[in-house]
Structures are given as structure tokens and as C-alpha cells.
Protein backbone atom coordinates (compact mmCIF):
# COMPACT_ATOMS: atom_id res chain seq x y z
CA MET A 1 -152.76 -111.39 -35.53
CA THR A 2 -154.05 -108.47 -33.58
CA ALA A 3 -150.88 -106.48 -32.28
CA GLY A 4 -153.72 -105.02 -29.28
CA ARG A 5 -156.54 -103.12 -28.41
CA VAL A 6 -156.79 -99.63 -28.27
CA GLY A 7 -159.87 -97.13 -26.95
CA MET A 8 -160.24 -94.42 -29.01
CA GLY A 9 -161.65 -91.38 -27.50
CA LEU A 10 -163.14 -88.11 -29.43
CA MET A 11 -165.65 -85.95 -27.09
CA PHE A 12 -166.42 -83.47 -30.09
CA SER A 13 -168.19 -84.22 -32.94
CA PRO A 14 -166.51 -83.59 -36.34
CA ARG A 15 -165.93 -80.89 -37.12
CA GLY A 16 -161.84 -79.85 -36.95
CA GLY A 17 -158.20 -81.20 -37.69
CA SER A 18 -158.74 -84.03 -34.69
CA ALA A 19 -161.13 -85.37 -35.72
CA GLN A 20 -159.46 -85.91 -39.19
CA VAL A 21 -156.22 -87.11 -37.03
CA ALA A 22 -158.51 -89.12 -35.26
CA ARG A 23 -160.05 -90.96 -38.83
CA TYR A 24 -156.92 -90.89 -40.48
CA LEU A 25 -154.72 -92.20 -37.10
CA SER A 26 -157.74 -95.38 -36.51
CA ARG A 27 -157.83 -96.89 -39.86
CA ALA A 28 -153.71 -96.57 -40.00
CA LEU A 29 -153.67 -98.24 -36.57
CA GLY A 30 -156.21 -100.81 -38.09
CA SER A 31 -153.42 -101.47 -41.06
CA ALA A 32 -150.97 -102.07 -38.70
CA GLY A 33 -152.97 -104.43 -37.03
CA TRP A 34 -154.50 -103.22 -34.25
CA ASP A 35 -157.91 -103.81 -33.47
CA VAL A 36 -159.41 -99.60 -32.96
CA ARG A 37 -162.44 -98.98 -30.82
CA LEU A 38 -163.56 -95.81 -30.95
CA ALA A 39 -165.93 -93.31 -29.00
CA ALA A 40 -166.69 -90.38 -30.92
CA GLY A 41 -169.55 -86.92 -30.35
CA SER A 42 -172.16 -87.05 -33.23
CA LEU A 43 -174.52 -84.26 -34.51
CA GLY A 44 -176.97 -84.72 -36.62
CA ALA A 45 -178.71 -86.97 -39.17
CA ALA A 46 -176.46 -90.02 -41.08
CA GLY A 47 -175.26 -88.43 -44.24
CA GLU A 48 -174.07 -85.18 -42.58
CA PRO A 49 -170.76 -83.98 -41.87
CA THR A 50 -170.86 -84.12 -38.27
CA HIS A 51 -172.59 -87.61 -37.72
CA ALA A 52 -170.16 -89.98 -36.26
CA ALA A 53 -171.08 -92.59 -38.01
CA THR A 54 -171.00 -91.19 -41.35
CA PHE A 55 -167.38 -89.44 -41.22
CA PHE A 56 -165.60 -92.65 -39.27
CA ARG A 57 -167.20 -94.93 -41.72
CA GLY A 58 -165.63 -98.25 -41.97
CA LEU A 59 -164.91 -97.82 -38.64
CA HIS A 60 -165.70 -99.45 -35.07
CA VAL A 61 -167.56 -96.55 -33.27
CA GLU A 62 -169.69 -95.94 -30.64
CA PRO A 63 -171.68 -92.30 -31.24
CA ALA A 64 -172.28 -89.86 -28.56
CA ASP A 65 -174.92 -88.12 -29.89
CA TYR A 66 -175.73 -84.82 -29.18
CA THR A 67 -178.76 -83.90 -31.61
CA PRO A 68 -181.52 -84.53 -28.91
CA ALA A 69 -179.08 -81.78 -26.86
CA ARG A 70 -178.54 -79.15 -29.57
CA GLU A 71 -182.84 -79.51 -29.60
CA ARG A 72 -183.24 -78.57 -26.34
CA PHE A 73 -180.46 -75.41 -26.85
CA GLU A 74 -182.68 -74.25 -29.56
CA HIS A 75 -186.16 -74.45 -27.18
CA GLY A 76 -184.34 -72.75 -24.74
CA ALA A 77 -184.31 -75.51 -22.89
CA ASP A 78 -180.94 -76.88 -20.53
CA HIS A 79 -178.81 -78.82 -23.18
CA LEU A 80 -176.12 -79.26 -20.51
CA ALA A 81 -178.14 -81.76 -18.47
CA GLY A 82 -179.80 -85.25 -19.27
CA PRO A 83 -178.69 -88.69 -20.38
CA MET A 84 -176.52 -87.29 -23.43
CA PRO A 85 -175.33 -83.27 -22.40
CA PHE A 86 -173.93 -81.01 -25.38
CA HIS A 87 -170.06 -80.68 -24.99
CA PRO A 88 -168.67 -77.90 -24.13
CA SER A 89 -165.56 -76.02 -26.28
CA PHE A 90 -161.97 -74.74 -25.70
CA GLU A 91 -163.30 -71.43 -27.19
CA ASP A 92 -166.40 -68.91 -26.01
CA ARG A 93 -168.49 -68.30 -28.85
CA GLU A 94 -171.96 -66.45 -27.82
CA GLY A 95 -174.87 -68.18 -28.77
CA ALA A 96 -173.05 -71.34 -29.08
CA PRO A 97 -174.57 -74.21 -28.04
CA ASP A 98 -171.17 -75.83 -26.42
CA PRO A 99 -170.13 -73.29 -23.87
CA VAL A 100 -166.87 -72.71 -23.25
CA PHE A 101 -164.89 -75.77 -20.38
CA ALA A 102 -164.69 -72.82 -17.72
CA ALA A 103 -167.97 -71.91 -17.85
CA LEU A 104 -168.87 -75.06 -16.54
CA GLY A 105 -169.90 -75.33 -12.85
CA PRO A 106 -169.26 -78.48 -10.56
CA GLU A 107 -172.85 -80.61 -11.74
CA GLN A 108 -172.31 -79.53 -15.20
CA THR A 109 -169.27 -81.08 -15.24
CA GLU A 110 -170.60 -83.88 -13.16
CA ALA A 111 -172.65 -84.90 -16.02
CA GLN A 112 -170.19 -84.48 -18.31
CA ILE A 113 -168.35 -87.35 -17.07
CA GLU A 114 -171.17 -89.73 -16.69
CA ALA A 115 -172.62 -89.20 -19.46
CA TRP A 116 -169.16 -89.95 -20.87
CA ALA A 117 -168.74 -93.04 -18.81
CA ALA A 118 -171.57 -94.86 -19.84
CA VAL A 119 -170.21 -94.41 -23.74
CA LEU A 120 -166.76 -95.56 -22.70
CA GLU A 121 -168.80 -99.17 -21.46
CA ARG A 122 -171.21 -99.63 -24.62
CA ALA A 123 -167.80 -98.91 -26.52
CA GLY A 124 -166.31 -101.66 -24.97
CA PHE A 125 -163.38 -99.46 -22.99
CA ALA A 126 -163.23 -102.63 -20.22
CA ASP A 127 -161.64 -105.02 -22.60
CA VAL A 128 -158.96 -102.95 -24.28
CA ASP A 129 -155.02 -102.85 -23.81
CA LEU A 130 -154.48 -98.68 -23.84
CA ILE A 131 -157.05 -95.62 -24.02
CA HIS A 132 -155.81 -92.78 -26.42
CA LEU A 133 -157.77 -89.68 -25.50
CA HIS A 134 -157.65 -86.40 -27.91
CA HIS A 135 -157.63 -83.53 -26.30
CA LEU A 136 -158.09 -82.90 -22.30
CA THR A 137 -161.38 -83.01 -21.64
CA PRO A 138 -163.75 -84.93 -18.89
CA MET A 139 -163.32 -88.04 -20.55
CA HIS A 140 -160.10 -88.07 -18.48
CA ASP A 141 -161.85 -88.36 -15.33
CA ALA A 142 -164.45 -91.06 -16.77
CA VAL A 143 -161.76 -93.14 -17.63
CA ALA A 144 -160.32 -92.60 -14.32
CA ARG A 145 -163.72 -93.53 -12.52
CA ARG A 146 -164.43 -96.88 -14.38
CA PHE A 147 -160.86 -98.29 -15.92
CA PRO A 148 -158.63 -96.98 -13.20
CA GLU A 149 -155.96 -99.82 -14.03
CA HIS A 150 -156.28 -99.18 -17.99
CA PRO A 151 -152.99 -96.89 -19.46
CA VAL A 152 -154.04 -93.81 -21.06
CA VAL A 153 -152.23 -91.68 -23.59
CA THR A 154 -153.39 -88.15 -23.95
CA HIS A 155 -152.76 -86.71 -27.39
CA LEU A 156 -152.95 -82.74 -27.40
CA HIS A 157 -154.03 -80.86 -30.47
CA GLY A 158 -153.30 -77.26 -28.92
CA THR A 159 -156.76 -75.50 -28.83
CA ASP A 160 -156.54 -77.26 -24.95
CA LEU A 161 -153.50 -75.58 -24.08
CA LYS A 162 -154.77 -72.58 -25.90
CA MET A 163 -157.55 -72.21 -23.50
CA LEU A 164 -155.68 -72.87 -20.42
CA ASP A 165 -153.13 -70.01 -21.40
CA ARG A 166 -156.19 -68.05 -21.43
CA ILE A 167 -157.14 -69.06 -17.85
CA GLY A 168 -153.36 -68.46 -16.45
CA ARG A 169 -153.38 -64.83 -18.05
CA LEU A 170 -156.41 -64.43 -16.32
CA GLU A 171 -155.80 -65.82 -13.29
CA ALA A 172 -152.46 -63.20 -13.30
CA ILE A 173 -154.88 -60.48 -13.90
CA ALA A 174 -156.92 -61.24 -11.02
CA ARG A 175 -153.89 -61.77 -8.74
CA ALA A 176 -152.14 -58.41 -8.86
CA ARG A 177 -155.91 -57.07 -8.29
CA GLY A 178 -155.54 -58.98 -5.17
CA THR A 179 -158.69 -61.68 -5.56
CA THR A 180 -159.39 -64.90 -7.67
CA LEU A 181 -160.37 -65.25 -11.21
CA ALA A 182 -163.89 -66.29 -9.93
CA ALA A 183 -164.58 -63.65 -8.21
CA LEU A 184 -163.15 -61.32 -11.03
CA ALA A 185 -165.78 -62.84 -13.38
CA GLY A 186 -168.35 -62.47 -10.57
CA ARG A 187 -168.52 -59.13 -11.18
CA THR A 188 -170.83 -57.26 -13.01
CA GLN A 189 -168.73 -54.72 -14.10
CA ARG A 190 -165.48 -54.80 -15.99
CA PRO A 191 -161.99 -54.35 -13.27
CA GLY A 192 -161.63 -50.65 -12.82
CA SER A 193 -158.32 -48.74 -13.37
CA GLY A 194 -157.12 -48.50 -10.24
CA THR A 195 -154.30 -51.12 -10.62
CA PRO A 196 -152.31 -50.40 -13.73
CA ILE A 197 -152.64 -53.40 -15.94
CA SER A 198 -150.41 -54.06 -19.40
CA ALA A 199 -151.48 -53.15 -22.87
CA ASP A 200 -152.17 -56.79 -23.65
CA GLN A 201 -153.88 -57.53 -20.20
CA ALA A 202 -156.55 -54.35 -21.29
CA GLU A 203 -156.93 -56.23 -24.71
CA LEU A 204 -157.53 -59.70 -23.55
CA LEU A 205 -160.14 -58.21 -20.94
CA GLU A 206 -161.89 -56.23 -23.41
CA ARG A 207 -162.41 -59.53 -25.70
CA THR A 208 -163.23 -61.95 -23.02
CA ARG A 209 -166.82 -62.74 -21.28
CA LEU A 210 -165.07 -62.97 -17.80
CA GLU A 211 -168.71 -64.52 -16.83
CA GLN A 212 -167.53 -67.94 -18.78
CA TYR A 213 -164.50 -67.57 -17.16
CA ALA A 214 -165.83 -68.29 -13.34
CA HIS A 215 -165.13 -71.68 -12.93
CA GLY A 216 -161.41 -71.24 -15.22
CA SER A 217 -159.32 -72.53 -12.25
CA ALA A 218 -161.27 -75.47 -11.47
CA TRP A 219 -160.61 -76.81 -14.73
CA ALA A 220 -157.48 -75.97 -15.12
CA VAL A 221 -156.57 -78.07 -11.71
CA ARG A 222 -159.17 -81.06 -13.48
CA LEU A 223 -157.06 -80.88 -16.69
CA SER A 224 -153.43 -80.77 -15.09
CA ALA A 225 -154.71 -83.69 -13.15
CA ALA A 226 -155.94 -85.56 -16.15
CA ALA A 227 -152.49 -84.91 -17.81
CA ALA A 228 -150.55 -86.37 -14.86
CA ARG A 229 -152.12 -89.76 -14.23
CA SER A 230 -151.56 -90.35 -18.66
CA ARG A 231 -148.51 -92.65 -19.14
CA ARG A 232 -147.40 -90.80 -21.93
CA ILE A 233 -148.78 -87.00 -23.97
CA ILE A 234 -148.29 -86.87 -27.69
CA CYS A 235 -147.88 -82.98 -28.79
CA ILE A 236 -147.81 -82.14 -32.62
CA SER A 237 -145.55 -79.53 -32.56
CA PRO A 238 -141.78 -78.83 -30.16
CA HIS A 239 -143.73 -75.43 -29.77
CA ASP A 240 -147.35 -76.99 -28.21
CA ALA A 241 -144.73 -79.21 -26.27
CA SER A 242 -143.35 -76.57 -24.28
CA GLU A 243 -146.62 -75.15 -23.97
CA ALA A 244 -147.40 -78.50 -22.19
CA VAL A 245 -144.77 -77.98 -19.97
CA ARG A 246 -145.24 -74.62 -18.91
CA LEU A 247 -149.45 -75.02 -18.43
CA LEU A 248 -149.80 -78.26 -17.41
CA GLY A 249 -146.72 -78.66 -15.64
CA VAL A 250 -145.82 -82.37 -16.34
CA PRO A 251 -142.07 -83.68 -16.59
CA GLU A 252 -140.91 -83.30 -20.28
CA ARG A 253 -140.13 -87.15 -19.76
CA LEU A 254 -143.91 -87.92 -20.52
CA ILE A 255 -144.35 -86.13 -23.81
CA GLU A 256 -143.42 -87.19 -27.10
CA VAL A 257 -143.29 -85.26 -30.39
CA ILE A 258 -145.80 -86.95 -33.05
CA PRO A 259 -146.64 -84.78 -36.33
CA ASN A 260 -149.77 -85.25 -37.45
CA GLY A 261 -149.54 -87.15 -41.19
CA VAL A 262 -151.08 -86.88 -44.29
CA ASP A 263 -153.00 -89.04 -46.39
CA THR A 264 -150.67 -88.56 -49.55
CA ASP A 265 -152.73 -90.47 -51.66
CA LEU A 266 -155.43 -88.64 -51.29
CA PHE A 267 -153.45 -84.73 -51.31
CA ALA A 268 -151.76 -85.53 -54.30
CA GLU A 269 -150.67 -83.16 -57.13
CA THR A 270 -153.75 -83.28 -59.48
CA PRO A 271 -152.66 -81.02 -62.89
CA LEU A 272 -155.60 -79.32 -64.25
CA GLY A 273 -156.69 -77.47 -67.30
CA ALA A 274 -157.85 -74.16 -67.41
CA SER A 275 -161.68 -75.55 -68.26
CA GLU A 276 -161.45 -78.29 -65.34
CA ARG A 277 -160.32 -75.74 -63.02
CA LEU A 278 -162.76 -73.20 -64.14
CA ASP A 279 -165.43 -75.55 -64.04
CA LEU A 280 -164.29 -76.20 -60.90
CA LEU A 281 -164.73 -72.60 -59.21
CA ARG A 282 -167.74 -72.19 -61.12
CA ARG A 283 -169.40 -74.87 -58.74
CA TRP A 284 -167.52 -73.92 -55.73
CA LEU A 285 -169.00 -69.75 -56.25
CA VAL A 286 -172.06 -70.05 -58.64
CA ASP A 287 -173.37 -73.06 -58.82
CA ASP A 288 -173.40 -74.73 -55.02
CA PRO A 289 -172.34 -71.56 -53.09
CA GLN A 290 -171.67 -72.02 -49.23
CA GLY A 291 -169.88 -69.05 -48.46
CA TRP A 292 -171.29 -67.17 -45.75
CA ASP A 293 -171.84 -63.63 -43.97
CA GLU A 294 -172.17 -62.74 -40.49
CA SER A 295 -176.00 -64.26 -40.85
CA GLY A 296 -174.22 -67.33 -40.36
CA GLN A 297 -176.12 -68.95 -43.38
CA PRO A 298 -174.05 -70.81 -45.97
CA GLY A 299 -175.01 -69.58 -49.55
CA SER A 300 -175.24 -66.13 -47.98
CA ILE A 301 -172.50 -65.46 -50.20
CA ARG A 302 -172.92 -66.18 -54.00
CA TYR A 303 -171.41 -64.59 -57.39
CA LEU A 304 -172.56 -64.06 -60.63
CA PRO A 305 -170.63 -66.05 -63.30
CA GLN A 306 -169.29 -63.26 -64.51
CA GLN A 307 -167.36 -62.53 -61.78
CA LEU A 308 -165.78 -65.76 -62.60
CA GLU A 309 -163.50 -63.82 -64.75
CA ALA A 310 -161.13 -62.49 -61.72
CA PHE A 311 -159.23 -66.31 -62.66
CA SER A 312 -158.39 -65.78 -65.96
CA ASP A 313 -156.38 -63.17 -68.25
CA PRO A 314 -157.96 -61.26 -70.85
CA ALA A 315 -156.49 -64.30 -73.51
CA GLY A 316 -158.48 -66.68 -71.47
CA ASN A 317 -155.39 -67.78 -69.67
CA PRO A 318 -155.24 -69.20 -66.00
CA ILE A 319 -153.74 -67.09 -63.53
CA PRO A 320 -152.06 -67.98 -60.43
CA VAL A 321 -154.03 -68.72 -57.04
CA LEU A 322 -153.88 -68.45 -53.61
CA VAL A 323 -155.96 -70.06 -50.87
CA PHE A 324 -156.31 -70.24 -47.41
CA VAL A 325 -158.44 -72.93 -45.76
CA GLY A 326 -159.63 -73.18 -41.83
CA ARG A 327 -161.96 -71.91 -39.61
CA PHE A 328 -162.38 -68.40 -38.85
CA LEU A 329 -160.85 -67.95 -35.65
CA ALA A 330 -158.94 -65.40 -33.74
CA PHE A 331 -155.64 -66.62 -33.86
CA LYS A 332 -155.99 -67.47 -37.83
CA ARG A 333 -155.95 -63.75 -38.65
CA VAL A 334 -158.14 -64.10 -41.24
CA PRO A 335 -159.08 -60.48 -41.40
CA LEU A 336 -155.49 -59.25 -41.04
CA LEU A 337 -154.36 -61.95 -44.22
CA VAL A 338 -157.32 -60.20 -46.32
CA ARG A 339 -155.73 -56.38 -45.52
CA ALA A 340 -152.41 -57.41 -46.36
CA TYR A 341 -153.87 -59.31 -49.65
CA ALA A 342 -155.23 -55.75 -50.21
CA ARG A 343 -151.62 -54.14 -49.86
CA ALA A 344 -149.67 -56.94 -52.20
CA ARG A 345 -152.46 -56.88 -54.76
CA ARG A 346 -151.59 -53.20 -55.87
CA ARG A 347 -147.86 -54.89 -56.42
CA LEU A 348 -148.96 -57.97 -57.78
CA ALA A 349 -147.32 -58.68 -61.72
CA GLN A 350 -150.67 -59.84 -62.69
CA PRO A 351 -154.20 -60.51 -60.21
CA ALA A 352 -154.10 -63.21 -58.53
CA PRO A 353 -157.38 -64.31 -56.55
CA LEU A 354 -157.82 -65.61 -53.44
CA VAL A 355 -159.81 -67.89 -52.30
CA VAL A 356 -160.67 -68.38 -48.66
CA TRP A 357 -161.97 -71.65 -47.92
CA GLY A 358 -163.78 -72.83 -45.24
CA GLY A 359 -165.30 -71.38 -41.71
CA SER A 360 -167.55 -73.09 -39.93
CA PRO A 361 -171.04 -72.08 -40.71
CA GLY A 362 -171.99 -69.25 -38.25
CA GLU A 363 -168.84 -69.71 -36.19
CA TRP A 364 -166.22 -66.47 -36.04
CA GLU A 365 -164.35 -64.29 -33.62
CA GLY A 366 -163.51 -60.50 -33.50
CA GLU A 367 -164.06 -59.38 -37.05
CA HIS A 368 -165.73 -61.44 -39.82
CA PRO A 369 -163.77 -61.49 -42.78
CA HIS A 370 -166.29 -60.90 -46.04
CA ALA A 371 -167.21 -57.73 -43.67
CA VAL A 372 -163.46 -56.47 -43.91
CA ALA A 373 -162.97 -57.09 -47.55
CA GLN A 374 -166.81 -55.69 -47.97
CA ARG A 375 -165.92 -52.44 -45.65
CA GLU A 376 -162.71 -51.88 -47.00
CA SER A 377 -163.23 -52.43 -50.60
CA VAL A 378 -161.15 -55.62 -51.21
CA ASP A 379 -161.54 -56.80 -54.62
CA GLY A 380 -160.46 -60.32 -55.48
CA VAL A 381 -161.37 -62.27 -52.43
CA PHE A 382 -163.76 -65.20 -52.89
CA PHE A 383 -165.17 -67.02 -49.97
CA THR A 384 -166.32 -70.93 -50.63
CA GLY A 385 -167.33 -71.43 -47.30
CA TRP A 386 -167.28 -74.55 -45.52
CA ARG A 387 -166.94 -77.99 -47.76
CA GLY A 388 -165.89 -81.37 -48.03
CA HIS A 389 -162.94 -83.00 -46.72
CA ASP A 390 -162.96 -84.86 -49.64
CA GLU A 391 -163.28 -81.92 -51.77
CA LEU A 392 -160.01 -80.19 -50.79
CA PRO A 393 -157.30 -81.94 -52.58
CA LEU A 394 -159.15 -80.74 -55.77
CA GLY A 395 -159.41 -77.25 -54.29
CA LEU A 396 -155.37 -77.01 -53.27
CA SER A 397 -155.06 -77.99 -56.50
CA ALA A 398 -156.52 -75.30 -58.30
CA ALA A 399 -154.70 -73.16 -56.39
CA HIS A 400 -150.82 -71.92 -56.89
CA GLY A 401 -150.32 -71.40 -53.39
CA PHE A 402 -151.34 -71.61 -49.67
CA VAL A 403 -151.70 -68.88 -46.85
CA ALA A 404 -152.08 -68.97 -43.59
CA PRO A 405 -150.96 -66.31 -41.10
CA SER A 406 -151.91 -68.03 -38.10
CA VAL A 407 -150.29 -66.79 -34.85
CA ASN A 408 -149.67 -69.90 -32.55
CA GLU A 409 -151.14 -72.19 -35.01
CA PRO A 410 -150.94 -75.29 -32.84
CA PHE A 411 -149.58 -77.48 -35.89
CA GLY A 412 -150.86 -77.11 -38.66
CA GLN A 413 -152.31 -80.22 -40.49
CA VAL A 414 -153.71 -78.02 -43.57
CA PHE A 415 -150.32 -77.14 -44.14
CA LEU A 416 -148.79 -80.17 -44.82
CA GLU A 417 -151.75 -81.12 -47.19
CA ALA A 418 -151.32 -78.33 -49.63
CA MET A 419 -147.34 -79.08 -49.61
CA SER A 420 -148.49 -82.94 -50.26
CA CYS A 421 -150.54 -81.06 -53.49
CA GLY A 422 -147.58 -79.22 -54.50
CA LEU A 423 -148.19 -75.95 -52.89
CA PRO A 424 -145.66 -73.83 -51.31
CA VAL A 425 -146.89 -71.99 -48.15
CA VAL A 426 -146.81 -68.90 -46.65
CA ALA A 427 -146.69 -69.13 -42.70
CA THR A 428 -145.77 -67.02 -39.56
CA ARG A 429 -142.55 -67.99 -37.15
CA THR A 430 -144.94 -69.41 -34.64
CA GLY A 431 -146.58 -72.43 -33.67
CA GLY A 432 -145.97 -75.84 -35.66
CA PRO A 433 -145.60 -74.43 -38.49
CA PRO A 434 -141.61 -73.43 -38.54
CA SER A 435 -141.57 -76.95 -37.71
CA PHE A 436 -141.43 -78.58 -41.50
CA VAL A 437 -141.18 -75.17 -43.08
CA ASN A 438 -138.06 -74.26 -44.31
CA THR A 439 -136.23 -76.40 -42.37
CA VAL A 440 -134.05 -77.74 -44.88
CA PRO A 441 -131.73 -74.92 -45.97
CA ALA A 442 -130.94 -75.93 -49.57
CA ALA A 443 -134.70 -76.77 -50.19
CA PRO A 444 -137.01 -74.21 -49.22
CA ASN A 445 -140.98 -74.98 -49.52
CA GLY A 446 -142.03 -71.74 -48.30
CA TRP A 447 -142.15 -68.69 -46.92
CA LEU A 448 -141.79 -67.25 -43.13
CA VAL A 449 -142.93 -64.00 -42.11
CA GLU A 450 -143.37 -62.07 -38.30
CA PRO A 451 -146.79 -62.76 -37.00
CA ASP A 452 -149.03 -60.02 -37.34
CA ASP A 453 -146.80 -57.99 -39.69
CA PRO A 454 -149.28 -57.08 -42.52
CA GLY A 455 -146.03 -55.58 -44.63
CA ALA A 456 -144.07 -58.51 -44.13
CA LEU A 457 -146.98 -60.82 -45.48
CA ALA A 458 -148.02 -58.72 -48.04
CA ASP A 459 -144.36 -58.65 -49.36
CA ALA A 460 -144.22 -62.93 -49.33
CA LEU A 461 -147.33 -62.56 -51.22
CA VAL A 462 -145.89 -60.28 -53.85
CA ALA A 463 -142.65 -62.85 -53.51
CA LEU A 464 -144.76 -65.95 -54.16
CA VAL A 465 -147.13 -64.52 -57.24
CA ASN A 466 -144.43 -62.31 -58.99
CA SER A 467 -141.42 -65.12 -59.57
CA PRO A 468 -143.50 -68.39 -60.73
CA ASP A 469 -139.81 -70.27 -61.04
CA GLU A 470 -139.20 -69.80 -57.55
CA ARG A 471 -142.75 -70.45 -56.59
CA ALA A 472 -142.93 -73.70 -59.07
CA ALA A 473 -139.30 -74.95 -57.11
CA ARG A 474 -140.63 -74.77 -53.71
CA GLY A 475 -143.41 -76.34 -54.33
CA ARG A 476 -141.65 -79.15 -55.90
CA ASN A 477 -139.64 -79.36 -52.56
CA ALA A 478 -142.96 -78.99 -50.50
CA ARG A 479 -144.17 -81.97 -52.14
CA ALA A 480 -141.22 -84.09 -51.33
CA GLN A 481 -140.22 -83.32 -48.06
CA VAL A 482 -143.95 -83.80 -46.73
CA ARG A 483 -144.35 -87.50 -48.99
CA SER A 484 -141.21 -88.51 -47.43
CA ARG A 485 -141.66 -87.81 -43.70
CA TYR A 486 -145.50 -87.52 -43.10
CA ALA A 487 -147.35 -89.84 -44.20
CA TRP A 488 -149.52 -91.85 -42.19
CA ASP A 489 -147.70 -95.37 -43.03
CA ALA A 490 -145.05 -93.94 -41.34
CA VAL A 491 -146.07 -91.65 -38.88
CA VAL A 492 -148.03 -94.38 -37.25
CA ASN A 493 -145.04 -96.04 -36.16
CA ARG A 494 -144.46 -93.93 -33.43
CA PHE A 495 -147.78 -94.17 -31.76
CA THR A 496 -147.59 -98.37 -31.56
CA ALA A 497 -143.95 -97.38 -30.33
CA ILE A 498 -145.36 -95.41 -27.58
CA TYR A 499 -148.88 -98.06 -27.09
CA ARG A 500 -145.72 -100.65 -26.38
CA SER A 501 -144.28 -98.92 -23.89
CA ALA A 502 -147.33 -97.58 -21.82
CA CYS A 503 -148.70 -101.33 -21.95
CA SER A 504 -145.23 -102.75 -20.51
CA ARG A 505 -144.94 -100.38 -17.73
């Protein structure tokens, strides 16, 4: 018997963590008896990781194909119009086809809403019992326009809140200057120094393309209204729950904190022999290099076979490996990690290479971490580039510790995936990780350090590498805690309870 019908919407083509969550959650809901109809962005041809039907194989998916819009962008034509305009982003990246939401004016916003209304109709959302939308996007307005009676559950993943936080801080600067954000963004020059601003505000202005935030205030109002129309709002960590109340003005009673689940069958501890690990590293770094430098081209960072000697001692025995996994976004603090690793390397009892796994090709904010490593002559850092999610469990199993010094990480899905593979983690005392790192006093599973403190981060890396028994014990704790609390078959029950509550109102 079908438990119910849910329409799930994801505006973006598969790329980040929210796509992984949508895929795993849809499958878990199907196993729990729910009929899931998924509407999702898609990019490229079949077989590519951003192609919706490929990524969501086995699920009922209605794609919104952004490929023609990307081609228009590449030829200098308007890619934000047409039957399927290219999607916006919560991040502002110069030269990218996806402009930040705050740059879209009324006509471009309307094009997004109408395009998605058509996609949702084709997906059969008229016949579902409930609509579950990932992120706050124009999909909410499309639902309100075409299916106003359907209950909506909004699932926040943090990037939307980060954009709203930036808009709010820019509005505060504008108010201090006696103007509006729209007027501030319309100026051809940066605001002068007539009105004192704080050092943090000055830094924000320095790293913000103000012209891209001309419609930021309007988007803040639009997204807050969409949140208020939701029957429930799911946040992935207590930190994001408090941010949602602050930034969206919604009551706490609307919010439910549900952490992302982990595929504990896929992300399992896989013991690797020395030759097996070396073979994997050779494939990722030498035979099929995908690392990329400031050219943005996968494979532009290549390694020679002899450089793999860094992963073993003079006798050929394997040595500890540290791994970072993620995108090269500013809040991930990958350049800071490279510099902290350089500090720690001098104090390690034995060399421990740092593998930087990820970085969506051509996407980075601030300093490029490879450029930092090159410019500052940091030895022992290896860049694998963006690789398939199915390869990640082996990538984690080839390591001995996971480190990511993100500041206000919305949740930290990959932290849990690493922990499920038996790795202790190093994180900062901000955002989502403190909700699952070292929460059991008698059974620590990693190290927490202060944010933006390279010295403290270096100390944690030294402790992880130089204390093999403690490292192993924390890794065992990590694996046991994740498998008991965060497996998808357990987490999905919390979603179905919310669905039933939303439908019964």
C-alpha cells in the first residue's frame, strides 16, 4: 500500500550536497512506501554527473534541461530568458552562467517562475499529497501559483541562508549611509569613507560585487514570504535553525531539525592493503588526473609516478594520509587549511600527505588553494579534482583522518560520510559539525578547533598524525556513532512523520 504521494523539487542540476540528499531521501521514502515524483535541474548529456536522469537513476524524475541555456551563455546570448532559463545561484561567481539570485530583476524572476511551473505540471505535482522543496527558490512561487492548496515542506541546506545573511549585512551598510541596497549597488564606485564602517563591513564590501545585489532586498522579501507559506521548514542543524528564525522571521514552531542521513552501506570501512591504496592514488593522481589549477581545466594538475613516493616511508610502508573533501568556496577555508598544514608538517612524527579531493571545475572563491600551495612552496599537498560520489568511499578509506576547517558549515554531510568510513574528523566550533563531533563526552570522535585559527588547526593535525592509538580510537567512535544515529533508514522516519502532520492540517 502506498503511504502517500510526494512531489520533490530541486532547482539545481546535480552538483552539491543537496542533490545527494534528494537522491538518498527519495530512495529511502520509496522503501518506506511513498510514491516520489522528482523535478530537478539537469545539465549535459546522459552519462554526465550533472545529468538528472543519470544522477537520479531508478527514480521517477522530470528534468529541467539547462543545457540549451548554457549554450546560449557560451555564445553570448540571453541565457536567463526562454522556455527554460539557466538557474541562479546563492553564490556570486564572476564569469559563471548562474548569477546570484540577488542580481535577477522582476522580468528574469518571472521567467524562472513560469518555467518551473511548467516543469512541475509535467512532473505530475497536481496529483501529489504534499510538495517537498529543497532550498528557497522560485519553485516556491511556481507552486503557490499553480498548486496553492498543496501543503509545502521547505528543506533548507544552508547556502540560501548564507546569501540572505550577506544581503542583510549589505542592507545594514546601506542604512548606515542613509540609502538602500538597490541604490548602493547602482553606484559606479564603492561607497566613500565619509561614514565610518567596521572592519568586517569594509571587508564585506571589498569582496562583494555590489552591482550583483541590486535586487537583493526584493529577494530577501520574496524568500521570507515563501518560507512563511511553508507548513514546516526542515533545517539540517541547530545552527541553521537559529539562522532561519533570525533571517526569515519565521516562528520556531515551524522548524524541525533533521540531520542529513548517511548511506552506511556505501560509506563503510574498507581496509586497503598498501598496494591497493597505491594503485588508487596512482589512478587518481597520475593515470586519470582531474585536479585543476586557475585555468579551471580538469587535468591541468598532473603528478609524476615518482611523486607517489610521498605516500610511503623509505621502507615502502604506508604512512598516514589526511583528506579534505569539498568545493573551493570561501567559507570552506581551503587556503587556510593549506597554510595550517604547512605549519603542522614541520612537527609531524612522520610525513602525512594532505589530499584535497574536490573543487567543482572552474569554481573557487578568493585564493585558489593550489596557487597558495605553489606560491608558498607547501610540500605534500595533492589535488585529485572533482570525482564521482561512488569513488568517494574508497577515497576516504585510503585516508586516516578527515579535516575541513569550514566556518559556519551549514551541516557537513561529508564529515558524517568520513566518520562512517572510520575516520576521525577535524572541524571548527561553528555551524553544523559541533552537533555531531565530540558530542559523547566519554567517546570523542574527532577534534574541534576555533575558527580561522591556523595555529589551533595545525595543533589538531599534529595530534591526529602523531597519536596513532588515539586516532584509531576516535575513528572507531566516529563509525559507531554515525551508524547508530544517522543511517537513512532511521532518519527517513522523521520525514514521514512531518509529511503526515503537514497533510493532516
